[in-house]
């Protein structure tokens, strides 16, 4: 059972399951381990949810045409690239020295009550609360670093599944 030879539907279903598992792990870490997400963490969760939804839609649709598969793969790649950008910014904020203001601002609930959505997005990404704290490490990588790794892997998976040539079946 080589996943590289699976059907488009199965490959996109695997992408969906990976995103669902990552979101479940993040919720477990929050509820059971007491790690509260910062605004950049929440944006990464939203990106994983959007990516998972695109994988699920692709798996349910299962387009037979190469163009349809390519479109699904490209859309999932874009969602993963946006998530990777957010995760990369979070890693950058975490790696900044504390005296340079390695934080991301007031809580997201306060920002959303006092600003418009684009201002909130800009404020969070420019950094100023607790996004610089490293509360959890596994194999030497913090949670945002692992998110970045997963976004890159899932982006590559989306492109592979969406753009690879498939054998056509006559019957």
N, C-alpha and C. Protein backbone atom coordinates (compact mmCIF):
# COMPACT_ATOMS: atom_id res chain seq x y z
N UNK A 1 0.84 -1.19 0.00
CA UNK A 1 0.00 0.00 0.00
C UNK A 1 0.88 1.25 0.00
N UNK A 2 1.32 1.62 -1.13
CA UNK A 2 2.16 2.80 -1.28
C UNK A 2 1.27 4.03 -1.48
N UNK A 3 1.28 4.99 -0.52
CA UNK A 3 0.41 6.17 -0.66
C UNK A 3 0.73 7.03 -1.88
N UNK A 4 1.93 6.88 -2.43
CA UNK A 4 2.27 7.64 -3.62
C UNK A 4 1.52 7.14 -4.84
N UNK A 5 0.95 5.95 -4.76
CA UNK A 5 0.22 5.39 -5.89
C UNK A 5 -1.28 5.37 -5.65
N UNK A 6 -1.72 5.92 -4.52
CA UNK A 6 -3.15 5.95 -4.21
C UNK A 6 -3.89 6.84 -5.20
N UNK A 7 -5.21 6.72 -5.20
CA UNK A 7 -6.03 7.58 -6.04
C UNK A 7 -6.00 9.02 -5.49
N UNK A 8 -6.42 9.95 -6.32
CA UNK A 8 -6.49 11.35 -5.91
C UNK A 8 -7.36 11.48 -4.66
N UNK A 9 -8.51 10.83 -4.67
CA UNK A 9 -9.42 10.91 -3.50
C UNK A 9 -8.74 10.43 -2.23
N UNK A 10 -8.07 9.30 -2.30
CA UNK A 10 -7.41 8.75 -1.12
C UNK A 10 -6.28 9.67 -0.65
N UNK A 11 -5.54 10.23 -1.59
CA UNK A 11 -4.45 11.13 -1.22
C UNK A 11 -4.98 12.40 -0.56
N UNK A 12 -6.07 12.95 -1.10
CA UNK A 12 -6.65 14.14 -0.49
C UNK A 12 -7.33 13.81 0.83
N UNK A 13 -7.89 12.63 0.95
CA UNK A 13 -8.46 12.21 2.23
C UNK A 13 -7.36 12.10 3.29
N UNK A 14 -6.20 11.58 2.90
CA UNK A 14 -5.07 11.52 3.83
C UNK A 14 -4.64 12.92 4.26
N UNK A 15 -4.63 13.87 3.34
CA UNK A 15 -4.32 15.26 3.69
C UNK A 15 -5.32 15.82 4.67
N UNK A 16 -6.60 15.53 4.45
CA UNK A 16 -7.65 15.98 5.38
C UNK A 16 -7.43 15.37 6.77
N UNK A 17 -7.15 14.07 6.81
CA UNK A 17 -6.95 13.40 8.10
C UNK A 17 -5.73 13.95 8.83
N UNK A 18 -4.69 14.30 8.10
CA UNK A 18 -3.51 14.91 8.73
C UNK A 18 -3.88 16.25 9.36
N UNK A 19 -4.62 17.08 8.63
CA UNK A 19 -5.04 18.38 9.18
C UNK A 19 -5.94 18.20 10.39
N UNK A 20 -6.89 17.26 10.31
CA UNK A 20 -7.79 17.01 11.43
C UNK A 20 -7.00 16.53 12.65
N UNK A 21 -6.02 15.66 12.43
CA UNK A 21 -5.18 15.18 13.53
C UNK A 21 -4.36 16.30 14.16
N UNK A 22 -3.83 17.18 13.33
CA UNK A 22 -3.05 18.31 13.86
C UNK A 22 -3.92 19.26 14.67
N UNK A 23 -5.13 19.52 14.18
CA UNK A 23 -6.05 20.38 14.94
C UNK A 23 -6.48 19.71 16.24
N UNK A 24 -6.72 18.40 16.20
CA UNK A 24 -7.09 17.68 17.42
C UNK A 24 -5.95 17.74 18.43
N UNK A 25 -4.71 17.62 17.97
CA UNK A 25 -3.56 17.70 18.86
C UNK A 25 -3.46 19.09 19.48
N UNK A 26 -3.69 20.13 18.68
CA UNK A 26 -3.63 21.50 19.21
C UNK A 26 -4.71 21.71 20.28
N UNK A 27 -5.89 21.20 20.03
CA UNK A 27 -6.97 21.34 21.02
C UNK A 27 -6.65 20.53 22.27
N UNK A 28 -6.07 19.36 22.11
CA UNK A 28 -5.65 18.56 23.26
C UNK A 28 -4.61 19.32 24.09
N UNK A 29 -3.63 19.90 23.41
CA UNK A 29 -2.59 20.66 24.12
C UNK A 29 -3.19 21.84 24.87
N UNK A 30 -4.22 22.44 24.31
CA UNK A 30 -4.85 23.58 24.97
C UNK A 30 -5.68 23.12 26.16
N UNK A 31 -6.54 22.13 25.98
CA UNK A 31 -7.48 21.74 27.02
C UNK A 31 -6.88 20.84 28.08
N UNK A 32 -5.99 19.93 27.70
CA UNK A 32 -5.44 18.99 28.66
C UNK A 32 -4.09 19.41 29.23
N UNK A 33 -3.28 20.07 28.43
CA UNK A 33 -1.95 20.47 28.88
C UNK A 33 -1.89 21.92 29.34
N UNK A 34 -2.97 22.68 29.10
CA UNK A 34 -3.05 24.05 29.58
C UNK A 34 -2.25 25.06 28.77
N UNK A 35 -1.90 24.74 27.52
CA UNK A 35 -1.17 25.68 26.67
C UNK A 35 -2.17 26.56 25.92
N UNK A 36 -2.29 27.79 26.33
CA UNK A 36 -3.23 28.71 25.68
C UNK A 36 -2.64 29.22 24.37
N UNK A 37 -3.41 29.23 23.30
CA UNK A 37 -2.88 29.68 22.01
C UNK A 37 -2.80 31.21 21.94
N UNK A 38 -1.74 31.68 21.34
CA UNK A 38 -1.59 33.11 21.10
C UNK A 38 -2.30 33.44 19.78
N UNK A 39 -2.41 34.71 19.41
CA UNK A 39 -3.08 35.06 18.15
C UNK A 39 -2.46 34.40 16.91
N UNK A 40 -1.14 34.31 16.85
CA UNK A 40 -0.54 33.65 15.69
C UNK A 40 -0.86 32.16 15.66
N UNK A 41 -0.95 31.53 16.84
CA UNK A 41 -1.36 30.12 16.91
C UNK A 41 -2.78 29.94 16.39
N UNK A 42 -3.65 30.87 16.74
CA UNK A 42 -5.04 30.78 16.28
C UNK A 42 -5.10 30.93 14.76
N UNK A 43 -4.32 31.85 14.20
CA UNK A 43 -4.29 31.99 12.75
C UNK A 43 -3.76 30.72 12.09
N UNK A 44 -2.79 30.06 12.70
CA UNK A 44 -2.29 28.80 12.15
C UNK A 44 -3.36 27.72 12.20
N UNK A 45 -4.14 27.70 13.27
CA UNK A 45 -5.25 26.75 13.35
C UNK A 45 -6.27 27.00 12.25
N UNK A 46 -6.56 28.27 12.01
CA UNK A 46 -7.50 28.62 10.94
C UNK A 46 -6.95 28.15 9.60
N UNK A 47 -5.65 28.33 9.39
CA UNK A 47 -5.04 27.90 8.13
C UNK A 47 -5.10 26.37 7.99
N UNK A 48 -4.85 25.64 9.09
CA UNK A 48 -4.96 24.17 9.03
C UNK A 48 -6.41 23.76 8.76
N UNK A 49 -7.37 24.47 9.35
CA UNK A 49 -8.78 24.15 9.12
C UNK A 49 -9.16 24.42 7.65
N UNK A 50 -8.70 25.55 7.10
CA UNK A 50 -8.98 25.86 5.70
C UNK A 50 -8.34 24.83 4.78
N UNK A 51 -7.10 24.47 5.08
CA UNK A 51 -6.41 23.46 4.27
C UNK A 51 -7.12 22.12 4.37
N UNK A 52 -7.52 21.74 5.56
CA UNK A 52 -8.25 20.49 5.75
C UNK A 52 -9.56 20.48 4.99
N UNK A 53 -10.25 21.61 5.00
CA UNK A 53 -11.51 21.72 4.26
C UNK A 53 -11.28 21.57 2.76
N UNK A 54 -10.22 22.20 2.25
CA UNK A 54 -9.91 22.06 0.83
C UNK A 54 -9.54 20.62 0.47
N UNK A 55 -8.78 19.96 1.35
CA UNK A 55 -8.47 18.54 1.12
C UNK A 55 -9.76 17.71 1.11
N UNK A 56 -10.65 17.98 2.07
CA UNK A 56 -11.90 17.23 2.14
C UNK A 56 -12.77 17.47 0.90
N UNK A 57 -12.89 18.72 0.48
CA UNK A 57 -13.67 19.02 -0.72
C UNK A 57 -13.09 18.31 -1.95
N UNK A 58 -11.76 18.31 -2.06
CA UNK A 58 -11.13 17.61 -3.18
C UNK A 58 -11.39 16.11 -3.13
N UNK A 59 -11.34 15.54 -1.92
CA UNK A 59 -11.59 14.10 -1.77
C UNK A 59 -13.03 13.77 -2.10
N UNK A 60 -13.97 14.60 -1.67
CA UNK A 60 -15.38 14.34 -1.95
C UNK A 60 -15.70 14.54 -3.43
N UNK A 61 -15.10 15.56 -4.04
CA UNK A 61 -15.36 15.84 -5.45
C UNK A 61 -14.68 14.79 -6.33
N UNK A 62 -13.42 14.50 -6.03
CA UNK A 62 -12.69 13.50 -6.82
C UNK A 62 -12.75 13.74 -8.30
N UNK A 63 -12.26 14.89 -8.77
CA UNK A 63 -12.38 15.19 -10.20
C UNK A 63 -11.64 14.17 -11.06
N UNK A 64 -12.23 13.86 -12.19
CA UNK A 64 -11.60 12.89 -13.09
C UNK A 64 -10.65 13.57 -14.08
N UNK A 65 -10.83 14.87 -14.29
CA UNK A 65 -9.96 15.56 -15.25
C UNK A 65 -8.68 16.02 -14.57
N UNK A 66 -7.64 16.09 -15.36
CA UNK A 66 -6.34 16.57 -14.85
C UNK A 66 -6.44 18.02 -14.40
N UNK A 67 -7.20 18.83 -15.12
CA UNK A 67 -7.37 20.24 -14.75
C UNK A 67 -8.09 20.37 -13.42
N UNK A 68 -9.09 19.56 -13.19
CA UNK A 68 -9.82 19.61 -11.92
C UNK A 68 -8.94 19.22 -10.75
N UNK A 69 -8.16 18.16 -10.93
CA UNK A 69 -7.23 17.74 -9.87
C UNK A 69 -6.18 18.82 -9.64
N UNK A 70 -5.70 19.41 -10.72
CA UNK A 70 -4.70 20.47 -10.61
C UNK A 70 -5.24 21.68 -9.87
N UNK A 71 -6.51 22.02 -10.13
CA UNK A 71 -7.12 23.15 -9.44
C UNK A 71 -7.21 22.88 -7.94
N UNK A 72 -7.69 21.69 -7.58
CA UNK A 72 -7.78 21.34 -6.16
C UNK A 72 -6.40 21.34 -5.51
N UNK A 73 -5.41 20.79 -6.19
CA UNK A 73 -4.06 20.76 -5.65
C UNK A 73 -3.48 22.14 -5.48
N UNK A 74 -3.73 23.01 -6.45
CA UNK A 74 -3.21 24.38 -6.37
C UNK A 74 -3.87 25.16 -5.25
N UNK A 75 -5.19 25.03 -5.10
CA UNK A 75 -5.89 25.74 -4.02
C UNK A 75 -5.40 25.27 -2.65
N UNK A 76 -5.22 23.97 -2.50
CA UNK A 76 -4.70 23.45 -1.23
C UNK A 76 -3.27 23.93 -1.00
N UNK A 77 -2.48 23.98 -2.07
CA UNK A 77 -1.11 24.49 -1.95
C UNK A 77 -1.11 25.94 -1.47
N UNK A 78 -2.00 26.76 -2.02
CA UNK A 78 -2.06 28.17 -1.62
C UNK A 78 -2.43 28.30 -0.15
N UNK A 79 -3.41 27.51 0.30
CA UNK A 79 -3.79 27.55 1.72
C UNK A 79 -2.61 27.12 2.60
N UNK A 80 -1.88 26.10 2.19
CA UNK A 80 -0.73 25.65 2.96
C UNK A 80 0.38 26.70 2.94
N UNK A 81 0.56 27.39 1.82
CA UNK A 81 1.58 28.43 1.74
C UNK A 81 1.25 29.60 2.65
N UNK A 82 -0.02 29.97 2.73
CA UNK A 82 -0.43 31.04 3.65
C UNK A 82 -0.15 30.61 5.09
N UNK A 83 -0.52 29.38 5.42
CA UNK A 83 -0.25 28.86 6.76
C UNK A 83 1.24 28.82 7.05
N UNK A 84 2.04 28.44 6.07
CA UNK A 84 3.49 28.41 6.25
C UNK A 84 4.03 29.81 6.50
N UNK A 85 3.47 30.79 5.81
CA UNK A 85 3.90 32.18 6.04
C UNK A 85 3.60 32.64 7.46
N UNK A 86 2.42 32.29 7.95
CA UNK A 86 2.05 32.65 9.32
C UNK A 86 2.96 31.93 10.32
N UNK A 87 3.20 30.64 10.08
CA UNK A 87 4.07 29.88 10.97
C UNK A 87 5.50 30.41 10.93
N UNK A 88 5.97 30.79 9.76
CA UNK A 88 7.32 31.35 9.64
C UNK A 88 7.43 32.65 10.41
N UNK A 89 6.41 33.47 10.33
CA UNK A 89 6.41 34.72 11.10
C UNK A 89 6.46 34.41 12.60
N UNK A 90 5.72 33.40 13.04
CA UNK A 90 5.69 33.01 14.45
C UNK A 90 7.07 32.51 14.88
N UNK A 91 7.71 31.72 14.05
CA UNK A 91 9.06 31.24 14.36
C UNK A 91 10.01 32.43 14.47
N UNK A 92 9.90 33.37 13.56
CA UNK A 92 10.73 34.58 13.60
C UNK A 92 10.53 35.34 14.90
N UNK A 93 9.27 35.52 15.31
CA UNK A 93 8.97 36.23 16.55
C UNK A 93 9.57 35.48 17.74
N UNK A 94 9.48 34.15 17.72
CA UNK A 94 10.04 33.36 18.83
C UNK A 94 11.55 33.44 18.88
N UNK A 95 12.20 33.56 17.75
CA UNK A 95 13.66 33.57 17.72
C UNK A 95 14.26 34.95 17.97
N UNK A 96 13.43 36.00 17.96
CA UNK A 96 13.92 37.34 18.27
C UNK A 96 14.35 37.40 19.74
N UNK A 97 15.41 38.14 20.05
CA UNK A 97 15.74 38.34 21.46
C UNK A 97 14.60 39.06 22.18
N UNK A 98 14.42 38.73 23.46
CA UNK A 98 13.31 39.29 24.24
C UNK A 98 13.34 40.82 24.28
N UNK A 99 14.53 41.42 24.28
CA UNK A 99 14.62 42.88 24.36
C UNK A 99 14.21 43.58 23.07
N UNK A 100 14.00 42.83 22.00
CA UNK A 100 13.54 43.42 20.74
C UNK A 100 12.02 43.33 20.58
N UNK A 101 11.33 42.94 21.64
CA UNK A 101 9.87 42.91 21.59
C UNK A 101 9.31 41.71 20.88
N UNK A 102 9.74 40.53 21.27
CA UNK A 102 9.27 39.31 20.61
C UNK A 102 7.92 38.88 21.16
N UNK A 103 6.90 39.62 20.79
CA UNK A 103 5.53 39.29 21.19
C UNK A 103 4.61 39.65 20.05
N UNK A 104 3.32 39.37 20.21
CA UNK A 104 2.41 39.62 19.08
C UNK A 104 1.21 40.48 19.45
N UNK A 105 1.22 41.14 20.55
CA UNK A 105 0.19 42.11 20.86
C UNK A 105 -0.83 41.68 21.88
N UNK A 106 -1.88 42.49 22.02
CA UNK A 106 -2.94 42.18 22.96
C UNK A 106 -3.69 40.92 22.54
N UNK A 107 -4.50 40.36 23.44
CA UNK A 107 -5.25 39.15 23.08
C UNK A 107 -6.13 39.37 21.85
N UNK A 108 -6.34 38.29 21.11
CA UNK A 108 -7.11 38.37 19.88
C UNK A 108 -8.53 38.85 20.12
N UNK A 109 -9.12 38.48 21.25
CA UNK A 109 -10.49 38.92 21.55
C UNK A 109 -10.57 40.44 21.65
N UNK A 110 -9.58 41.06 22.27
CA UNK A 110 -9.55 42.52 22.38
C UNK A 110 -9.37 43.16 21.01
N UNK A 111 -8.44 42.61 20.23
CA UNK A 111 -8.20 43.15 18.90
C UNK A 111 -9.44 43.09 18.02
N UNK A 112 -10.15 41.96 18.06
CA UNK A 112 -11.32 41.81 17.20
C UNK A 112 -12.47 42.72 17.61
N UNK A 113 -12.50 43.13 18.87
CA UNK A 113 -13.54 44.05 19.33
C UNK A 113 -13.22 45.49 19.00
N UNK A 114 -11.94 45.81 18.83
CA UNK A 114 -11.55 47.21 18.65
C UNK A 114 -11.07 47.54 17.24
N UNK A 115 -10.88 46.53 16.39
CA UNK A 115 -10.35 46.78 15.04
C UNK A 115 -11.14 46.00 14.00
N UNK A 116 -10.94 46.38 12.76
CA UNK A 116 -11.51 45.64 11.64
C UNK A 116 -10.67 44.40 11.37
N UNK A 117 -11.18 43.46 10.56
CA UNK A 117 -10.46 42.21 10.32
C UNK A 117 -9.08 42.39 9.69
N UNK A 118 -8.94 43.33 8.76
CA UNK A 118 -7.63 43.52 8.12
C UNK A 118 -6.64 44.16 9.08
N UNK A 119 -7.12 45.07 9.93
CA UNK A 119 -6.24 45.68 10.93
C UNK A 119 -5.78 44.65 11.94
N UNK A 120 -6.69 43.74 12.34
CA UNK A 120 -6.32 42.67 13.27
C UNK A 120 -5.24 41.80 12.65
N UNK A 121 -5.43 41.41 11.40
CA UNK A 121 -4.46 40.57 10.71
C UNK A 121 -3.10 41.25 10.64
N UNK A 122 -3.08 42.52 10.26
CA UNK A 122 -1.82 43.26 10.16
C UNK A 122 -1.15 43.41 11.52
N UNK A 123 -1.95 43.72 12.56
CA UNK A 123 -1.40 43.90 13.90
C UNK A 123 -0.78 42.61 14.43
N UNK A 124 -1.48 41.50 14.22
CA UNK A 124 -0.97 40.22 14.73
C UNK A 124 0.32 39.84 14.00
N UNK A 125 0.37 40.02 12.70
CA UNK A 125 1.55 39.61 11.95
C UNK A 125 2.74 40.54 12.18
N UNK A 126 2.50 41.79 12.53
CA UNK A 126 3.63 42.67 12.81
C UNK A 126 4.16 42.44 14.21
N UNK A 127 3.44 41.81 15.04
CA UNK A 127 3.93 41.37 16.33
C UNK A 127 3.92 42.44 17.41
N UNK A 128 3.50 42.15 18.54
CA UNK A 128 3.65 43.03 19.71
C UNK A 128 3.09 42.32 20.87
N UNK A 129 1.95 40.23 22.42
CA UNK A 129 1.58 39.59 23.65
C UNK A 129 2.54 38.48 23.93
N UNK A 130 2.23 37.36 23.76
CA UNK A 130 2.99 36.23 24.25
C UNK A 130 3.40 35.27 23.13
N UNK A 131 3.44 35.72 21.92
CA UNK A 131 3.80 34.84 20.80
C UNK A 131 5.28 34.47 20.81
N UNK A 132 6.08 35.23 21.53
CA UNK A 132 7.51 34.96 21.62
C UNK A 132 7.85 33.88 22.62
N UNK A 133 6.90 33.50 23.47
CA UNK A 133 7.16 32.46 24.47
C UNK A 133 7.19 31.09 23.82
N UNK A 134 8.13 30.28 24.27
CA UNK A 134 8.20 28.89 23.81
C UNK A 134 7.80 28.03 25.00
N UNK A 135 6.56 27.50 24.94
CA UNK A 135 6.00 26.73 26.05
C UNK A 135 6.13 25.23 25.87
N UNK A 136 6.41 24.77 24.65
CA UNK A 136 6.43 23.35 24.36
C UNK A 136 7.48 23.08 23.29
N UNK A 137 8.27 22.05 23.50
CA UNK A 137 9.31 21.68 22.55
C UNK A 137 9.30 20.16 22.40
N UNK A 138 9.41 19.69 21.16
CA UNK A 138 9.53 18.26 20.88
C UNK A 138 10.64 18.08 19.85
N UNK A 139 11.62 17.27 20.16
CA UNK A 139 12.77 17.05 19.30
C UNK A 139 13.47 18.35 18.92
N UNK A 140 13.50 19.28 19.84
CA UNK A 140 14.19 20.54 19.63
C UNK A 140 13.42 21.60 18.86
N UNK A 141 12.19 21.29 18.46
CA UNK A 141 11.39 22.25 17.69
C UNK A 141 10.18 22.68 18.50
N UNK A 142 9.88 23.98 18.45
CA UNK A 142 8.69 24.50 19.12
C UNK A 142 7.44 24.19 18.29
N UNK A 143 6.28 24.45 18.85
CA UNK A 143 5.03 24.17 18.15
C UNK A 143 4.94 24.93 16.81
N UNK A 144 5.27 26.23 16.74
CA UNK A 144 5.23 26.90 15.43
C UNK A 144 6.22 26.31 14.42
N UNK A 145 7.36 25.83 14.92
CA UNK A 145 8.32 25.21 14.01
C UNK A 145 7.73 23.92 13.43
N UNK A 146 7.05 23.13 14.29
CA UNK A 146 6.40 21.92 13.80
C UNK A 146 5.28 22.27 12.83
N UNK A 147 4.54 23.35 13.13
CA UNK A 147 3.48 23.78 12.20
C UNK A 147 4.07 24.12 10.85
N UNK A 148 5.20 24.82 10.84
CA UNK A 148 5.85 25.17 9.58
C UNK A 148 6.25 23.91 8.82
N UNK A 149 6.82 22.93 9.51
CA UNK A 149 7.19 21.67 8.87
C UNK A 149 5.95 21.02 8.25
N UNK A 150 4.86 20.96 9.01
CA UNK A 150 3.64 20.32 8.50
C UNK A 150 3.03 21.08 7.33
N UNK A 151 3.05 22.42 7.39
CA UNK A 151 2.52 23.19 6.27
C UNK A 151 3.33 22.92 5.00
N UNK A 152 4.65 22.85 5.13
CA UNK A 152 5.49 22.58 3.95
C UNK A 152 5.21 21.18 3.41
N UNK A 153 5.14 20.19 4.30
CA UNK A 153 4.84 18.81 3.87
C UNK A 153 3.48 18.72 3.19
N UNK A 154 2.47 19.36 3.79
CA UNK A 154 1.12 19.29 3.21
C UNK A 154 1.02 20.07 1.90
N UNK A 155 1.79 21.15 1.77
CA UNK A 155 1.83 21.89 0.50
C UNK A 155 2.41 21.00 -0.60
N UNK A 156 3.50 20.32 -0.29
CA UNK A 156 4.10 19.41 -1.26
C UNK A 156 3.16 18.26 -1.60
N UNK A 157 2.46 17.74 -0.59
CA UNK A 157 1.51 16.64 -0.80
C UNK A 157 0.37 17.09 -1.71
N UNK A 158 -0.14 18.31 -1.50
CA UNK A 158 -1.23 18.84 -2.32
C UNK A 158 -0.80 18.96 -3.77
N UNK A 159 0.40 19.50 -3.99
CA UNK A 159 0.89 19.63 -5.36
C UNK A 159 1.12 18.26 -6.00
N UNK A 160 1.70 17.35 -5.24
CA UNK A 160 1.95 16.01 -5.78
C UNK A 160 0.64 15.34 -6.17
N UNK A 161 -0.32 15.36 -5.25
CA UNK A 161 -1.60 14.68 -5.52
C UNK A 161 -2.35 15.35 -6.66
N UNK A 162 -2.29 16.67 -6.71
CA UNK A 162 -3.05 17.39 -7.72
C UNK A 162 -2.43 17.40 -9.10
N UNK A 163 -1.11 17.34 -9.17
CA UNK A 163 -0.46 17.54 -10.46
C UNK A 163 0.19 16.29 -11.06
N UNK A 164 0.22 15.20 -10.32
CA UNK A 164 0.89 14.03 -10.88
C UNK A 164 0.05 13.40 -11.99
N UNK A 165 0.76 12.87 -12.96
CA UNK A 165 0.09 12.20 -14.08
C UNK A 165 -0.48 10.87 -13.58
N UNK A 166 -1.65 10.54 -14.03
CA UNK A 166 -2.32 9.30 -13.62
C UNK A 166 -2.63 8.48 -14.85
N UNK A 167 -2.63 7.19 -14.65
CA UNK A 167 -2.99 6.28 -15.75
C UNK A 167 -4.47 6.41 -16.02
N UNK A 168 -4.81 6.48 -17.26
CA UNK A 168 -6.22 6.53 -17.63
C UNK A 168 -6.73 5.11 -17.79
N UNK A 169 -7.93 4.92 -17.36
CA UNK A 169 -8.56 3.59 -17.46
C UNK A 169 -9.65 3.64 -18.52
N UNK A 170 -9.66 2.64 -19.37
CA UNK A 170 -10.68 2.61 -20.42
C UNK A 170 -11.99 2.07 -19.87
N UNK A 171 -11.95 1.17 -18.90
CA UNK A 171 -13.16 0.59 -18.35
C UNK A 171 -13.15 0.66 -16.87
